[in-house]
Amino acid sequence: MASLSMNNDYEKEYSDLSKIIYLDNNATTREDKNVIESMINHLKSTNLFGNASSSHLIGIETKYLINESREQVRKSINASNLNEIIFTSGGTESNNLALHG
């Protein structure tokens, strides 16, 4: 992780990030440790990086992993159908989907 250098009293007081309470979740949110662990395991074991919309093998396998993730989310929130789980690229896309369908 990159180290911030502010060279002042603020740096001394806030250099230990474990003591900081992050409240700017409007901009980004820390991933759950279980999510990070799962992502690392998948990346290490599969080395899949393909476009899930592609028809080649790597794309097909990537799409399978995305659908597997979709199923895990569906089960965790008791959704009745996989089509209810939509992954977006971020907050703006999510808001537009919620407002405009």
C-alpha atoms as a PDB file:
ATOM      1  CA  MET A   1       0.000   0.000   0.000  1.00  0.00           C
ATOM      2  CA  ALA A   2       1.259   3.460  -0.848  1.00  0.00           C
ATOM      3  CA  SER A   3       2.311   5.623   2.050  1.00  0.00           C
ATOM      4  CA  LEU A   4       1.005   9.148   2.371  1.00  0.00           C
ATOM      5  CA  SER A   5       3.548  11.766   3.331  1.00  0.00           C
ATOM      6  CA  MET A   6       2.193  15.044   4.651  1.00  0.00           C
ATOM      7  CA  ASN A   7       5.200  16.123   6.747  1.00  0.00           C
ATOM      8  CA  ASN A   8       3.218  17.792   9.501  1.00  0.00           C
ATOM      9  CA  ASP A   9       1.427  17.156  12.795  1.00  0.00           C
ATOM     10  CA  TYR A  10      -1.539  15.719  10.917  1.00  0.00           C
ATOM     11  CA  GLU A  11       0.677  12.928   9.589  1.00  0.00           C
ATOM     12  CA  LYS A  12       1.821  12.018  13.097  1.00  0.00           C
ATOM     13  CA  GLU A  13      -1.730  11.900  14.417  1.00  0.00           C
ATOM     14  CA  TYR A  14      -3.306   9.997  11.506  1.00  0.00           C
ATOM     15  CA  SER A  15      -0.509   7.861  10.078  1.00  0.00           C
ATOM     16  CA  ASP A  16      -2.017   4.672  11.577  1.00  0.00           C
ATOM     17  CA  LEU A  17      -4.819   3.871   9.098  1.00  0.00           C
ATOM     18  CA  SER A  18      -6.254   1.225  11.433  1.00  0.00           C
ATOM     19  CA  LYS A  19      -7.463   4.041  13.692  1.00  0.00           C
ATOM     20  CA  ILE A  20      -9.236   5.947  10.928  1.00  0.00           C
ATOM     21  CA  ILE A  21     -12.992   5.568  10.535  1.00  0.00           C
ATOM     22  CA  TYR A  22     -13.760   5.941   6.836  1.00  0.00           C
ATOM     23  CA  LEU A  23     -17.055   7.742   6.215  1.00  0.00           C
ATOM     24  CA  ASP A  24     -16.809   8.662   2.529  1.00  0.00           C
ATOM     25  CA  ASN A  25     -18.699   5.578   1.343  1.00  0.00           C
ATOM     26  CA  ASN A  26     -20.411   7.754  -1.236  1.00  0.00           C
ATOM     27  CA  ALA A  27     -17.140   7.642  -3.176  1.00  0.00           C
ATOM     28  CA  THR A  28     -16.044   4.059  -2.503  1.00  0.00           C
ATOM     29  CA  THR A  29     -16.615   1.309   0.019  1.00  0.00           C
ATOM     30  CA  ARG A  30     -14.128  -1.136   1.451  1.00  0.00           C
ATOM     31  CA  GLU A  31     -14.678  -4.692   0.278  1.00  0.00           C
ATOM     32  CA  ASP A  32     -15.579  -7.327   2.831  1.00  0.00           C
ATOM     33  CA  LYS A  33     -12.597  -9.533   3.749  1.00  0.00           C
ATOM     34  CA  ASN A  34     -14.490 -12.627   2.528  1.00  0.00           C
ATOM     35  CA  VAL A  35     -15.007 -11.002  -0.876  1.00  0.00           C
ATOM     36  CA  ILE A  36     -11.323 -10.115  -1.177  1.00  0.00           C
ATOM     37  CA  GLU A  37     -10.299 -13.640  -0.179  1.00  0.00           C
ATOM     38  CA  SER A  38     -12.685 -15.182  -2.706  1.00  0.00           C
ATOM     39  CA  MET A  39     -11.454 -12.885  -5.482  1.00  0.00           C
ATOM     40  CA  ILE A  40      -7.807 -13.666  -4.727  1.00  0.00           C
ATOM     41  CA  ASN A  41      -8.508 -17.416  -4.693  1.00  0.00           C
ATOM     42  CA  HIS A  42     -10.286 -17.224  -8.049  1.00  0.00           C
ATOM     43  CA  LEU A  43      -7.590 -15.068  -9.613  1.00  0.00           C
ATOM     44  CA  LYS A  44      -4.798 -17.343  -8.383  1.00  0.00           C
ATOM     45  CA  SER A  45      -6.483 -20.590  -9.357  1.00  0.00           C
ATOM     46  CA  THR A  46      -8.131 -19.711 -12.659  1.00  0.00           C
ATOM     47  CA  ASN A  47      -6.134 -16.858 -14.205  1.00  0.00           C
ATOM     48  CA  LEU A  48      -9.323 -15.922 -16.050  1.00  0.00           C
ATOM     49  CA  PHE A  49      -9.395 -12.406 -17.391  1.00  0.00           C
ATOM     50  CA  GLY A  50     -11.567 -12.659 -20.488  1.00  0.00           C
ATOM     51  CA  ASN A  51     -14.580 -10.668 -21.550  1.00  0.00           C
ATOM     52  CA  ALA A  52     -17.632 -12.586 -20.332  1.00  0.00           C
ATOM     53  CA  SER A  53     -19.532 -11.522 -23.458  1.00  0.00           C
ATOM     54  CA  SER A  54     -17.011 -13.198 -25.761  1.00  0.00           C
ATOM     55  CA  SER A  55     -17.667 -16.572 -27.351  1.00  0.00           C
ATOM     56  CA  HIS A  56     -14.136 -17.946 -26.875  1.00  0.00           C
ATOM     57  CA  LEU A  57     -13.257 -20.368 -24.071  1.00  0.00           C
ATOM     58  CA  ILE A  58     -11.799 -17.806 -21.675  1.00  0.00           C
ATOM     59  CA  GLY A  59     -14.880 -15.595 -22.089  1.00  0.00           C
ATOM     60  CA  ILE A  60     -17.231 -18.524 -21.537  1.00  0.00           C
ATOM     61  CA  GLU A  61     -15.379 -19.587 -18.389  1.00  0.00           C
ATOM     62  CA  THR A  62     -15.378 -16.001 -17.115  1.00  0.00           C
ATOM     63  CA  LYS A  63     -19.140 -15.797 -17.699  1.00  0.00           C
ATOM     64  CA  TYR A  64     -19.556 -19.026 -15.725  1.00  0.00           C
ATOM     65  CA  LEU A  65     -17.676 -17.507 -12.755  1.00  0.00           C
ATOM     66  CA  ILE A  66     -19.794 -14.356 -12.902  1.00  0.00           C
ATOM     67  CA  ASN A  67     -22.963 -16.454 -12.911  1.00  0.00           C
ATOM     68  CA  GLU A  68     -21.591 -18.494 -10.012  1.00  0.00           C
ATOM     69  CA  SER A  69     -21.081 -15.224  -8.111  1.00  0.00           C
ATOM     70  CA  ARG A  70     -24.583 -14.109  -9.067  1.00  0.00           C
ATOM     71  CA  GLU A  71     -25.954 -17.364  -7.598  1.00  0.00           C
ATOM     72  CA  GLN A  72     -24.034 -16.825  -4.342  1.00  0.00           C
ATOM     73  CA  VAL A  73     -25.487 -13.314  -4.026  1.00  0.00           C
ATOM     74  CA  ARG A  74     -28.978 -14.604  -4.882  1.00  0.00           C
ATOM     75  CA  LYS A  75     -28.784 -17.206  -2.117  1.00  0.00           C
ATOM     76  CA  SER A  76     -27.367 -14.768   0.434  1.00  0.00           C
ATOM     77  CA  ILE A  77     -30.264 -12.313  -0.002  1.00  0.00           C
ATOM     78  CA  ASN A  78     -32.941 -14.955  -0.674  1.00  0.00           C
ATOM     79  CA  ALA A  79     -33.758 -13.633  -4.134  1.00  0.00           C
ATOM     80  CA  SER A  80     -36.055 -15.948  -6.048  1.00  0.00           C
ATOM     81  CA  ASN A  81     -34.462 -15.579  -9.465  1.00  0.00           C
ATOM     82  CA  LEU A  82     -30.952 -15.031 -10.856  1.00  0.00           C
ATOM     83  CA  ASN A  83     -32.351 -12.296 -13.115  1.00  0.00           C
ATOM     84  CA  GLU A  84     -32.916 -10.184  -9.997  1.00  0.00           C
ATOM     85  CA  ILE A  85     -29.145  -9.919  -9.447  1.00  0.00           C
ATOM     86  CA  ILE A  86     -27.548  -7.283 -11.661  1.00  0.00           C
ATOM     87  CA  PHE A  87     -23.900  -6.296 -11.397  1.00  0.00           C
ATOM     88  CA  THR A  88     -23.093  -2.745 -12.478  1.00  0.00           C
ATOM     89  CA  SER A  89     -19.837  -0.863 -12.912  1.00  0.00           C
ATOM     90  CA  GLY A  90     -20.576   1.670 -10.197  1.00  0.00           C
ATOM     91  CA  GLY A  91     -22.936   4.006  -8.426  1.00  0.00           C
ATOM     92  CA  THR A  92     -23.999   6.100 -11.409  1.00  0.00           C
ATOM     93  CA  GLU A  93     -24.932   3.081 -13.477  1.00  0.00           C
ATOM     94  CA  SER A  94     -26.774   1.577 -10.496  1.00  0.00           C
ATOM     95  CA  ASN A  95     -28.704   4.784  -9.864  1.00  0.00           C
ATOM     96  CA  ASN A  96     -29.680   5.080 -13.520  1.00  0.00           C
ATOM     97  CA  LEU A  97     -30.826   1.462 -13.570  1.00  0.00           C
ATOM     98  CA  ALA A  98     -32.909   1.987 -10.428  1.00  0.00           C
ATOM     99  CA  LEU A  99     -34.466   5.216 -11.722  1.00  0.00           C
ATOM    100  CA  HIS A 100     -34.897   4.413 -15.398  1.00  0.00           C
ATOM    101  CA  GLY A 101     -34.950   0.603 -15.516  1.00  0.00           C
END
